[in-house]
Amino acid sequence: METESYVLSEHVVQSRVGDRLATYHRHLGGLFFLDEAAQAVLDSFKRPRFLPADILAGEVDNRTMELIQQLIARQVVVRSDTNQLAPWQSDRVEKKVNIIQLILANACNFGCTYCFEGVQGKEMSAEAEFHKVDTSRLSARETIKVNINDSIYASKERFDHQYDPKNRSMKPADGVAYVESALAVARSAGVEEVMLQFFGGEPLLNWKTIKAVLDRFGAGENDGVRIHYSTVTNGSLITEEVAETFARHKVAVCVSFDSPTSPSRPLKNGDDSTPVVMEGLRRLQRHGNRVAINSALTSATWNDFDESIVDLAVSVGAGEIGVVVDFDPTFYASFGAQNIVDRLWRVIEYGRSRGVVLTGYWHQIFQVLLGFDAVATRGFKNCSAKGAQFSIEPNGSVFACKAGSTLLGHIAEGEQILDAEPYQNHARLRRNNPAFCNGCEIEGFCGGLCLGPLEKKYATVDVVEPAACDFYRGITRKHIESLQPYEIATFDLQTD
């Protein structure tokens, strides 16, 4: 019988969880459990071991060989002559857009103390702002005070672009045209499914354009691409029309709300935003919308981030809370990675007890790790700005994300954007991390700290902020350690 030599992959990561070993491939994921007897089989491949050449070809007649088939399929056991460099670890750049982000308005009716835009703008009531969506009525640059030194995200050049008076609000016809162009770019790379995000500023300041896009594209039936929708909103401008339309088009609505006691999200006139946001949440609930709460764990909200946000989510029928953990590198040094993990985990566990899931940029690392080669399907690790996203400003300029500083081009350029160096510099990081990350236990699933502050601090995106690494590793370990046998694939060979 013809045989092949197999050996344990150098990319296997293991940790003990109870009486089992959590196991996955550092680049491909596919997390699973092994009991002691199954672990002994895996250990037998520490030295090359010969197996039938057709080991994966058909059925086998015992559990040990079934396990070996699984180990090979998950690439934790590989042929001895295999080059263990992943196929994407090359100079080839995958050019694929999975997320289209429309920046509907560079304005907001809130004055959040930690906003990534670093903006304190012209005071307007929520209701008045809602009806003033034309470019002439949105605050121009001279009425906005931006302290560049206080912003960790975008550069001065990015702010100059953002607050250009001609770049304040996206016209409905432009929004439709931009999406048509972006969908053509997505289709050119064979993408069949995209997420279209309504973003800002506060996107609902420009309801006309949101409605125009939803009416034109629907679920993508006429455009050859399946379209899913989402929006991040402060929740103050949710009318009955908005709630009904979002429900009809299955728009996932993420409402920012840090804590019932937090003072960090006032209206621009200084008033408490809680009553008007709660009214918006109730409207969404009545219309059966899919709603998540978007909360922030930052220096400004540290003392207010607690279990109360879970209770609020339950009260408005939101089964998910997206937690933005501070993207400022100094946050991790100031509070300590383990303290941040512990603070977040306390609320995660309370959420579980009440049927509410906490997710976020940090949680996506664990989500990607659970699947096998999930990056190939979703198009990115936990940072879509690294090759997978077009963030389109009102004037048609394309950036990798709202916080990024590098102009990729104009949406009218279409596929040409993908061939230009600015896009390719981002897309090279879709799979490959900087050399600093080599050997890290979450290397294949973590894109590092938010692209914006990295680019601002280092003038490049091909860099790592070590201060955040211990947090990302620590919270991922917590998720792995919390798993129970058979929640994920569990291979037990032990017999009583």
Protein backbone atom coordinates (compact mmCIF):
# COMPACT_ATOMS: atom_id res chain seq x y z
CA MET A 1 0.00 0.00 0.00
CA GLU A 2 1.32 3.42 -0.94
CA THR A 3 1.99 5.63 2.08
CA GLU A 4 2.72 9.30 2.84
CA SER A 5 4.58 10.83 5.78
CA TYR A 6 2.59 13.19 8.05
CA VAL A 7 3.75 15.41 10.90
CA LEU A 8 2.33 17.87 13.45
CA SER A 9 1.98 21.36 11.98
CA GLU A 10 4.22 24.05 13.45
CA HIS A 11 1.15 26.31 13.59
CA VAL A 12 -0.84 24.31 16.16
CA VAL A 13 -1.93 26.28 19.25
CA GLN A 14 -3.22 24.47 22.33
CA SER A 15 -4.43 25.42 25.80
CA ARG A 16 -6.02 23.40 28.58
CA VAL A 17 -9.72 23.93 29.26
CA GLY A 18 -10.90 21.65 32.04
CA ASP A 19 -9.89 18.09 31.21
CA ARG A 20 -9.54 18.77 27.47
CA LEU A 21 -7.13 20.57 25.16
CA ALA A 22 -8.49 23.44 23.07
CA THR A 23 -6.73 23.17 19.71
CA TYR A 24 -6.60 25.24 16.53
CA HIS A 25 -4.40 26.25 13.60
CA ARG A 26 -2.72 29.61 14.15
CA HIS A 27 -3.67 30.85 10.67
CA LEU A 28 -6.78 28.86 9.80
CA GLY A 29 -8.56 28.48 13.15
CA GLY A 30 -11.12 25.68 13.35
CA LEU A 31 -11.14 25.48 17.17
CA PHE A 32 -11.88 22.03 18.64
CA PHE A 33 -11.43 20.01 21.83
CA LEU A 34 -9.37 16.84 22.35
CA ASP A 35 -9.59 14.58 25.37
CA GLU A 36 -6.39 12.97 26.73
CA ALA A 37 -6.66 9.90 24.53
CA ALA A 38 -7.22 12.02 21.41
CA GLN A 39 -4.33 14.25 22.46
CA ALA A 40 -2.08 11.19 22.55
CA VAL A 41 -2.95 10.54 18.89
CA LEU A 42 -2.04 14.12 18.00
CA ASP A 43 1.23 13.83 19.94
CA SER A 44 2.12 10.74 17.90
CA PHE A 45 2.71 13.08 14.96
CA LYS A 46 5.47 15.04 16.70
CA ARG A 47 7.70 12.76 14.67
CA PRO A 48 6.82 11.93 11.04
CA ARG A 49 4.34 9.10 10.80
CA PHE A 50 3.42 7.12 7.70
CA LEU A 51 -0.24 6.81 6.72
CA PRO A 52 -2.06 5.44 3.68
CA ALA A 53 -1.77 7.90 0.81
CA ASP A 54 -5.55 7.85 0.37
CA ILE A 55 -6.27 8.53 4.06
CA LEU A 56 -8.79 11.25 3.18
CA ALA A 57 -10.37 9.40 0.28
CA GLY A 58 -12.97 7.30 2.00
CA GLU A 59 -14.47 5.88 5.16
CA VAL A 60 -12.31 4.31 7.84
CA ASP A 61 -13.28 1.58 10.27
CA ASN A 62 -12.24 2.95 13.68
CA ARG A 63 -12.48 6.15 15.72
CA THR A 64 -8.75 6.74 15.85
CA MET A 65 -8.50 6.87 12.08
CA GLU A 66 -11.60 9.11 11.94
CA LEU A 67 -9.81 11.48 14.31
CA ILE A 68 -6.68 11.43 12.13
CA GLN A 69 -8.81 12.34 9.12
CA GLN A 70 -10.13 15.33 11.06
CA LEU A 71 -6.65 16.40 12.14
CA ILE A 72 -5.46 16.33 8.54
CA ALA A 73 -8.57 18.12 7.24
CA ARG A 74 -8.03 20.86 9.83
CA GLN A 75 -4.34 21.05 8.83
CA VAL A 76 -3.04 20.55 12.35
CA VAL A 77 -1.41 17.44 10.89
CA VAL A 78 0.20 17.95 7.48
CA ARG A 79 2.27 16.05 4.97
CA SER A 80 5.94 16.13 5.96
CA ASP A 81 6.95 17.57 2.59
CA THR A 82 4.39 20.41 2.81
CA ASN A 83 5.63 23.99 2.78
CA GLN A 84 3.94 25.24 5.93
CA LEU A 85 3.82 28.81 4.73
CA ALA A 86 0.19 29.67 4.12
CA PRO A 87 -0.74 30.12 0.44
CA TRP A 88 -1.58 33.79 0.99
CA GLN A 89 1.84 34.54 2.54
CA SER A 90 3.19 35.88 -0.72
CA ASP A 91 3.28 39.08 -2.72
CA ARG A 92 -0.11 38.33 -4.24
CA VAL A 93 -2.73 40.91 -3.26
CA GLU A 94 -6.34 39.81 -3.02
CA LYS A 95 -8.48 42.64 -4.41
CA LYS A 96 -11.97 42.18 -3.03
CA VAL A 97 -14.52 44.63 -1.60
CA ASN A 98 -17.00 43.08 0.83
CA ILE A 99 -18.24 46.17 2.69
CA ILE A 100 -19.52 49.46 1.29
CA GLN A 101 -19.70 52.24 3.83
CA LEU A 102 -21.57 55.41 2.91
CA ILE A 103 -20.68 58.50 4.93
CA LEU A 104 -24.08 60.19 4.70
CA ALA A 105 -23.21 63.31 6.67
CA ASN A 106 -20.10 64.80 8.22
CA ALA A 107 -22.15 66.29 11.03
CA CYS A 108 -23.81 65.17 14.25
CA ASN A 109 -26.34 66.48 16.74
CA PHE A 110 -24.46 64.94 19.67
CA GLY A 111 -21.33 66.14 21.43
CA CYS A 112 -19.82 62.87 22.66
CA THR A 113 -16.69 63.36 24.72
CA TYR A 114 -14.79 60.51 23.04
CA CYS A 115 -16.00 60.72 19.43
CA PHE A 116 -13.37 59.60 16.91
CA GLU A 117 -14.02 62.74 14.89
CA GLY A 118 -12.88 64.94 17.79
CA VAL A 119 -15.67 67.35 16.88
CA GLN A 120 -17.55 69.98 18.82
CA GLY A 121 -19.96 71.50 16.36
CA LYS A 122 -22.71 74.04 15.97
CA GLU A 123 -25.53 73.56 18.47
CA MET A 124 -28.80 72.31 16.96
CA SER A 125 -31.72 70.45 18.40
CA ALA A 126 -32.21 66.87 17.19
CA GLU A 127 -35.54 67.62 15.57
CA ALA A 128 -34.30 70.73 13.80
CA GLU A 129 -31.18 68.97 12.55
CA PHE A 130 -33.28 66.09 11.24
CA HIS A 131 -35.06 68.32 8.75
CA LYS A 132 -31.99 70.27 7.65
CA VAL A 133 -30.29 67.74 5.47
CA ASP A 134 -29.23 69.86 2.51
CA THR A 135 -25.57 70.84 2.30
CA SER A 136 -26.26 74.52 2.92
CA ARG A 137 -27.77 73.83 6.33
CA LEU A 138 -25.11 71.52 7.71
CA SER A 139 -22.28 73.10 9.65
CA ALA A 140 -19.43 74.18 7.42
CA ARG A 141 -15.83 73.93 8.49
CA GLU A 142 -15.58 77.40 9.99
CA THR A 143 -18.33 76.59 12.52
CA ILE A 144 -16.61 73.41 13.72
CA LYS A 145 -13.79 73.33 16.22
CA VAL A 146 -11.42 70.43 15.76
CA ASN A 147 -8.46 69.86 18.04
CA ILE A 148 -6.19 67.69 15.90
CA ASN A 149 -3.90 67.07 18.85
CA ASP A 150 -6.79 65.55 20.81
CA SER A 151 -7.81 63.20 18.03
CA ILE A 152 -6.03 59.85 17.96
CA TYR A 153 -7.55 58.87 14.65
CA ALA A 154 -7.16 60.95 11.53
CA SER A 155 -4.44 63.28 10.35
CA LYS A 156 -4.75 67.00 9.69
CA GLU A 157 -4.99 66.28 5.95
CA ARG A 158 -7.91 63.92 6.58
CA PHE A 159 -9.73 66.53 8.66
CA ASP A 160 -9.11 69.19 6.02
CA HIS A 161 -10.83 66.88 3.55
CA GLN A 162 -13.61 65.89 5.92
CA TYR A 163 -14.62 69.44 6.81
CA ASP A 164 -14.50 70.84 3.33
CA PRO A 165 -17.81 72.72 2.91
CA LYS A 166 -18.44 70.68 -0.27
CA ASN A 167 -18.16 67.44 1.67
CA ARG A 168 -20.85 67.88 4.28
CA SER A 169 -23.84 65.80 3.08
CA MET A 170 -24.32 63.11 0.43
CA LYS A 171 -27.00 63.91 -2.14
CA PRO A 172 -29.53 61.13 -2.88
CA ALA A 173 -28.54 60.85 -6.54
CA ASP A 174 -24.86 60.69 -5.57
CA GLY A 175 -25.52 58.00 -2.98
CA VAL A 176 -27.23 55.82 -5.57
CA ALA A 177 -24.46 56.39 -8.12
CA TYR A 178 -21.74 55.63 -5.57
CA VAL A 179 -23.36 52.33 -4.61
CA GLU A 180 -23.76 51.36 -8.27
CA SER A 181 -20.04 51.95 -8.81
CA ALA A 182 -19.02 50.12 -5.62
CA LEU A 183 -21.19 47.11 -6.49
CA ALA A 184 -19.54 46.95 -9.91
CA VAL A 185 -16.14 46.83 -8.18
CA ALA A 186 -17.35 44.06 -5.87
CA ARG A 187 -18.75 42.02 -8.77
CA SER A 188 -15.49 42.40 -10.70
CA ALA A 189 -13.77 40.26 -8.06
CA GLY A 190 -16.54 37.69 -7.91
CA VAL A 191 -18.11 38.97 -4.68
CA GLU A 192 -21.71 37.79 -4.44
CA GLU A 193 -22.68 39.27 -1.06
CA VAL A 194 -21.92 42.69 0.46
CA MET A 195 -22.72 44.63 3.60
CA LEU A 196 -23.83 48.19 2.94
CA GLN A 197 -23.37 50.43 5.98
CA PHE A 198 -25.01 53.80 6.58
CA PHE A 199 -22.50 55.82 8.56
CA GLY A 200 -21.60 59.35 9.59
CA GLY A 201 -21.40 61.63 11.60
CA GLU A 202 -25.00 60.85 12.34
CA PRO A 203 -26.37 59.10 9.21
CA LEU A 204 -30.02 59.89 9.98
CA LEU A 205 -29.32 63.57 9.44
CA ASN A 206 -29.52 62.50 5.80
CA TRP A 207 -32.59 60.29 5.74
CA LYS A 208 -33.41 61.24 2.14
CA THR A 209 -30.27 59.55 0.83
CA ILE A 210 -30.69 56.47 3.00
CA LYS A 211 -34.23 56.04 1.71
CA ALA A 212 -33.15 56.60 -1.89
CA VAL A 213 -30.51 53.87 -1.62
CA LEU A 214 -32.89 51.39 0.03
CA ASP A 215 -35.60 52.08 -2.56
CA ARG A 216 -33.18 51.72 -5.47
CA PHE A 217 -31.26 48.59 -4.44
CA GLY A 218 -33.49 46.62 -2.10
CA ALA A 219 -31.82 43.29 -1.37
CA GLY A 220 -29.79 43.51 -4.59
CA GLU A 221 -32.15 41.42 -6.71
CA ASN A 222 -31.53 43.53 -9.80
CA ASP A 223 -27.82 44.10 -9.29
CA GLY A 224 -26.36 40.61 -9.13
CA VAL A 225 -25.17 40.97 -5.52
CA ARG A 226 -26.94 40.05 -2.30
CA ILE A 227 -27.06 43.22 -0.16
CA HIS A 228 -27.31 43.30 3.63
CA TYR A 229 -27.72 46.60 5.44
CA SER A 230 -26.61 48.03 8.75
CA THR A 231 -26.31 51.42 10.37
CA VAL A 232 -24.73 52.94 13.44
CA THR A 233 -26.85 55.78 14.82
CA ASN A 234 -27.14 57.75 18.02
CA GLY A 235 -30.83 56.84 18.02
CA SER A 236 -32.19 60.35 18.50
CA LEU A 237 -33.74 60.68 15.04
CA ILE A 238 -35.71 57.43 14.81
CA THR A 239 -39.16 58.33 13.50
CA GLU A 240 -42.01 55.93 12.76
CA GLU A 241 -41.07 56.12 9.07
CA VAL A 242 -37.43 55.31 9.80
CA ALA A 243 -38.32 52.37 12.05
CA GLU A 244 -40.82 50.92 9.56
CA THR A 245 -38.46 51.32 6.57
CA PHE A 246 -35.52 49.78 8.40
CA ALA A 247 -37.67 46.82 9.45
CA ARG A 248 -38.93 46.29 5.90
CA HIS A 249 -35.39 46.30 4.44
CA LYS A 250 -33.95 44.27 7.35
CA VAL A 251 -31.46 46.98 8.25
CA ALA A 252 -29.51 45.96 11.36
CA VAL A 253 -29.68 49.02 13.61
CA CYS A 254 -26.85 49.62 16.05
CA VAL A 255 -27.81 52.37 18.52
CA SER A 256 -24.98 53.99 20.46
CA PHE A 257 -25.78 54.15 24.16
CA ASP A 258 -22.98 53.75 26.68
CA SER A 259 -24.79 53.51 29.98
CA PRO A 260 -27.98 54.81 31.60
CA THR A 261 -25.71 56.77 33.95
CA SER A 262 -23.01 57.94 31.53
CA PRO A 263 -22.64 61.70 30.91
CA SER A 264 -20.44 61.09 27.86
CA ARG A 265 -23.14 61.37 25.16
CA PRO A 266 -24.88 64.76 25.57
CA LEU A 267 -26.74 66.58 22.83
CA LYS A 268 -24.82 69.46 21.28
CA ASN A 269 -26.77 71.89 23.47
CA GLY A 270 -25.59 70.01 26.55
CA ASP A 271 -28.91 68.35 27.35
CA ASP A 272 -29.12 64.71 28.36
CA SER A 273 -29.67 62.56 25.27
CA THR A 274 -31.18 59.59 27.15
CA PRO A 275 -34.91 60.43 26.84
CA VAL A 276 -34.86 60.98 23.08
CA VAL A 277 -32.69 57.89 22.47
CA MET A 278 -34.99 55.73 24.58
CA GLU A 279 -37.94 56.95 22.54
CA GLY A 280 -36.14 55.93 19.35
CA LEU A 281 -35.32 52.49 20.77
CA ARG A 282 -38.96 51.95 21.67
CA ARG A 283 -40.03 52.79 18.14
CA LEU A 284 -37.55 50.29 16.72
CA GLN A 285 -38.81 47.69 19.16
CA ARG A 286 -42.44 48.24 18.17
CA HIS A 287 -41.62 47.69 14.49
CA GLY A 288 -39.68 44.50 15.16
CA ASN A 289 -36.31 45.82 14.05
CA ARG A 290 -33.10 43.92 14.63
CA VAL A 291 -31.44 46.18 17.19
CA ALA A 292 -28.07 46.14 18.91
CA ILE A 293 -26.76 48.58 21.46
CA ASN A 294 -23.39 50.14 20.67
CA SER A 295 -21.40 50.97 23.80
CA ALA A 296 -17.91 52.26 24.43
CA LEU A 297 -15.36 51.21 27.02
CA THR A 298 -12.92 54.11 27.06
CA SER A 299 -11.12 56.37 29.48
CA ALA A 300 -14.19 58.61 29.43
CA THR A 301 -16.67 55.81 30.16
CA TRP A 302 -14.57 53.56 32.44
CA ASN A 303 -16.51 54.28 35.61
CA ASP A 304 -19.91 53.98 33.90
CA PHE A 305 -19.36 50.77 31.92
CA ASP A 306 -21.14 48.11 33.92
CA GLU A 307 -24.03 45.64 33.96
CA SER A 308 -26.61 48.39 33.58
CA ILE A 309 -26.05 48.46 29.82
CA VAL A 310 -27.17 44.81 29.67
CA ASP A 311 -30.35 45.60 31.61
CA LEU A 312 -31.08 48.43 29.19
CA ALA A 313 -30.58 46.11 26.19
CA VAL A 314 -33.03 43.62 27.66
CA SER A 315 -35.60 46.33 28.27
CA VAL A 316 -35.63 47.38 24.59
CA GLY A 317 -35.42 43.89 23.10
CA ALA A 318 -31.80 44.12 21.96
CA GLY A 319 -30.03 40.77 22.10
CA GLU A 320 -26.61 42.15 21.28
CA ILE A 321 -24.31 44.86 22.59
CA GLY A 322 -21.40 45.95 20.43
CA VAL A 323 -18.64 47.25 22.68
CA VAL A 324 -16.04 49.56 21.21
CA VAL A 325 -12.96 49.20 23.40
CA ASP A 326 -10.87 52.37 23.24
CA PHE A 327 -8.65 52.60 20.16
CA ASP A 328 -6.32 55.07 21.86
CA PRO A 329 -3.02 53.24 22.50
CA THR A 330 -2.56 55.10 25.81
CA PHE A 331 -5.76 53.50 27.19
CA TYR A 332 -4.13 50.08 27.41
CA ALA A 333 -1.03 51.39 29.15
CA SER A 334 -3.05 53.53 31.55
CA PHE A 335 -5.60 50.94 32.68
CA GLY A 336 -3.65 47.72 32.08
CA ALA A 337 -4.65 44.93 29.71
CA GLN A 338 -5.76 42.54 32.45
CA ASN A 339 -7.90 45.18 34.18
CA ILE A 340 -9.62 45.93 30.86
CA VAL A 341 -10.19 42.22 30.19
CA ASP A 342 -11.64 41.75 33.68
CA ARG A 343 -13.94 44.79 33.41
CA LEU A 344 -15.27 43.67 30.03
CA TRP A 345 -15.58 40.00 30.99
CA ARG A 346 -17.70 40.84 34.04
CA VAL A 347 -20.28 42.46 31.79
CA ILE A 348 -19.99 39.65 29.20
CA GLU A 349 -20.85 37.06 31.84
CA TYR A 350 -23.76 39.11 33.13
CA GLY A 351 -24.99 39.49 29.56
CA ARG A 352 -24.94 35.74 29.08
CA SER A 353 -27.05 35.31 32.20
CA ARG A 354 -29.66 37.58 30.63
CA GLY A 355 -29.49 36.28 27.05
CA VAL A 356 -27.48 39.21 25.68
CA VAL A 357 -24.29 38.72 23.65
CA LEU A 358 -21.46 41.25 23.78
CA THR A 359 -19.53 41.60 20.53
CA GLY A 360 -17.11 44.01 18.95
CA TYR A 361 -13.85 44.46 17.09
CA TRP A 362 -12.14 42.44 19.85
CA HIS A 363 -14.78 39.67 19.77
CA GLN A 364 -14.46 39.13 16.03
CA ILE A 365 -11.01 37.61 16.66
CA PHE A 366 -12.69 34.77 18.55
CA GLN A 367 -15.49 34.49 16.00
CA VAL A 368 -13.02 34.09 13.12
CA LEU A 369 -10.94 31.61 15.13
CA LEU A 370 -13.99 29.38 15.68
CA GLY A 371 -14.50 28.79 11.97
CA PHE A 372 -12.05 27.07 9.64
CA ASP A 373 -10.41 29.52 7.25
CA ALA A 374 -13.26 31.96 7.87
CA VAL A 375 -11.20 34.85 6.48
CA ALA A 376 -11.50 33.35 3.01
CA THR A 377 -15.28 33.67 3.21
CA ARG A 378 -15.79 36.92 5.09
CA GLY A 379 -12.88 38.65 3.36
CA PHE A 380 -11.07 40.02 6.43
CA LYS A 381 -10.01 39.24 9.99
CA ASN A 382 -11.41 41.75 12.47
CA CYS A 383 -10.55 44.89 10.48
CA SER A 384 -12.47 45.30 7.23
CA ALA A 385 -10.46 48.42 6.38
CA LYS A 386 -7.55 46.21 5.39
CA GLY A 387 -8.59 45.58 1.82
CA ALA A 388 -12.24 44.64 2.25
CA GLN A 389 -13.98 48.01 2.55
CA PHE A 390 -14.72 51.19 0.64
CA SER A 391 -15.68 54.11 2.89
CA ILE A 392 -17.21 56.68 0.56
CA GLU A 393 -17.46 60.33 1.55
CA PRO A 394 -20.26 62.68 0.37
CA ASN A 395 -17.99 64.04 -2.39
CA GLY A 396 -17.14 60.54 -3.64
CA SER A 397 -13.70 60.25 -2.12
CA VAL A 398 -12.87 56.71 -1.03
CA PHE A 399 -10.99 55.84 2.15
CA ALA A 400 -10.42 52.47 3.77
CA CYS A 401 -12.51 53.54 6.75
CA LYS A 402 -13.90 56.62 8.44
CA ALA A 403 -10.88 56.84 10.74
CA GLY A 404 -8.23 56.24 8.07
CA SER A 405 -6.10 59.00 6.58
CA THR A 406 -5.07 57.57 3.20
CA LEU A 407 -7.17 58.62 0.23
CA LEU A 408 -7.64 55.56 -1.99
CA GLY A 409 -9.19 57.47 -4.89
CA HIS A 410 -12.61 58.59 -6.13
CA ILE A 411 -15.44 56.10 -6.49
CA ALA A 412 -15.87 57.13 -10.13
CA GLU A 413 -12.51 55.47 -10.81
CA GLY A 414 -14.11 52.09 -10.10
CA GLU A 415 -11.83 49.06 -10.43
CA GLN A 416 -8.81 51.30 -11.00
CA ILE A 417 -8.77 51.98 -7.25
CA LEU A 418 -7.91 48.33 -6.65
CA ASP A 419 -4.81 48.56 -8.82
CA ALA A 420 -3.39 51.65 -7.13
CA GLU A 421 -0.74 51.46 -4.41
CA PRO A 422 -2.82 53.06 -1.59
CA TYR A 423 -5.44 50.31 -1.78
CA GLN A 424 -2.88 47.56 -2.22
CA ASN A 425 -0.93 48.70 0.85
CA HIS A 426 -4.09 48.09 2.88
CA ALA A 427 -5.06 44.86 1.10
CA ARG A 428 -1.66 43.28 1.75
CA LEU A 429 -2.69 43.19 5.40
CA ARG A 430 -5.92 41.32 4.70
CA ARG A 431 -4.12 38.10 5.68
CA ASN A 432 -0.50 39.03 6.38
CA ASN A 433 0.32 40.82 9.60
CA PRO A 434 3.51 42.79 10.22
CA ALA A 435 6.54 40.67 11.16
CA PHE A 436 6.06 41.60 14.83
CA CYS A 437 3.00 39.30 14.88
CA ASN A 438 4.77 36.17 13.63
CA GLY A 439 4.12 33.31 16.03
CA CYS A 440 1.37 35.06 18.00
CA GLU A 441 -1.42 32.73 19.08
CA ILE A 442 -4.07 34.88 17.34
CA GLU A 443 -1.98 35.91 14.35
CA GLY A 444 -4.40 34.61 11.75
CA PHE A 445 -7.48 36.33 13.18
CA CYS A 446 -6.34 39.66 14.62
CA GLY A 447 -5.66 42.75 12.53
CA GLY A 448 -4.23 44.69 15.48
CA LEU A 449 -5.39 48.02 16.81
CA CYS A 450 -7.75 50.20 14.75
CA LEU A 451 -6.20 51.38 11.51
CA GLY A 452 -6.90 55.07 12.25
CA PRO A 453 -4.68 55.65 15.28
CA LEU A 454 -1.93 53.48 13.77
CA GLU A 455 -1.89 55.56 10.63
CA LYS A 456 -2.02 58.80 12.62
CA LYS A 457 0.81 57.78 14.96
CA TYR A 458 3.13 55.96 12.55
CA ALA A 459 2.12 57.32 9.10
CA THR A 460 1.63 53.73 7.93
CA VAL A 461 -0.85 50.90 8.46
CA ASP A 462 1.80 48.16 8.28
CA VAL A 463 2.60 48.43 11.97
CA VAL A 464 1.52 47.08 15.37
CA GLU A 465 0.70 48.88 18.61
CA PRO A 466 2.04 46.42 21.23
CA ALA A 467 0.11 48.07 24.07
CA ALA A 468 -3.13 46.54 22.78
CA CYS A 469 -1.82 43.03 22.07
CA ASP A 470 -2.14 41.66 25.59
CA PHE A 471 -5.78 42.78 25.71
CA TYR A 472 -6.67 41.10 22.42
CA ARG A 473 -4.94 37.88 23.44
CA GLY A 474 -6.38 38.00 26.94
CA ILE A 475 -10.02 38.47 25.94
CA THR A 476 -9.68 35.74 23.27
CA ARG A 477 -8.33 33.30 25.87
CA LYS A 478 -11.27 34.14 28.13
CA HIS A 479 -13.71 33.20 25.38
CA ILE A 480 -11.90 29.93 24.70
CA GLU A 481 -11.76 29.05 28.40
CA SER A 482 -15.49 29.68 28.77
CA LEU A 483 -16.43 27.05 26.17
CA GLN A 484 -18.01 23.78 27.24
CA PRO A 485 -17.40 20.39 25.57
CA TYR A 486 -19.60 19.87 22.52
CA GLU A 487 -20.30 23.59 22.11
CA ILE A 488 -17.58 23.19 19.48
CA ALA A 489 -16.24 20.07 17.73
CA THR A 490 -15.13 17.70 20.49
CA PHE A 491 -13.12 14.54 19.78
CA ASP A 492 -13.20 12.07 22.66
CA LEU A 493 -11.47 8.71 22.41
CA GLN A 494 -11.38 7.97 26.14
CA THR A 495 -13.55 5.06 27.23
CA ASP A 496 -14.84 4.61 30.76
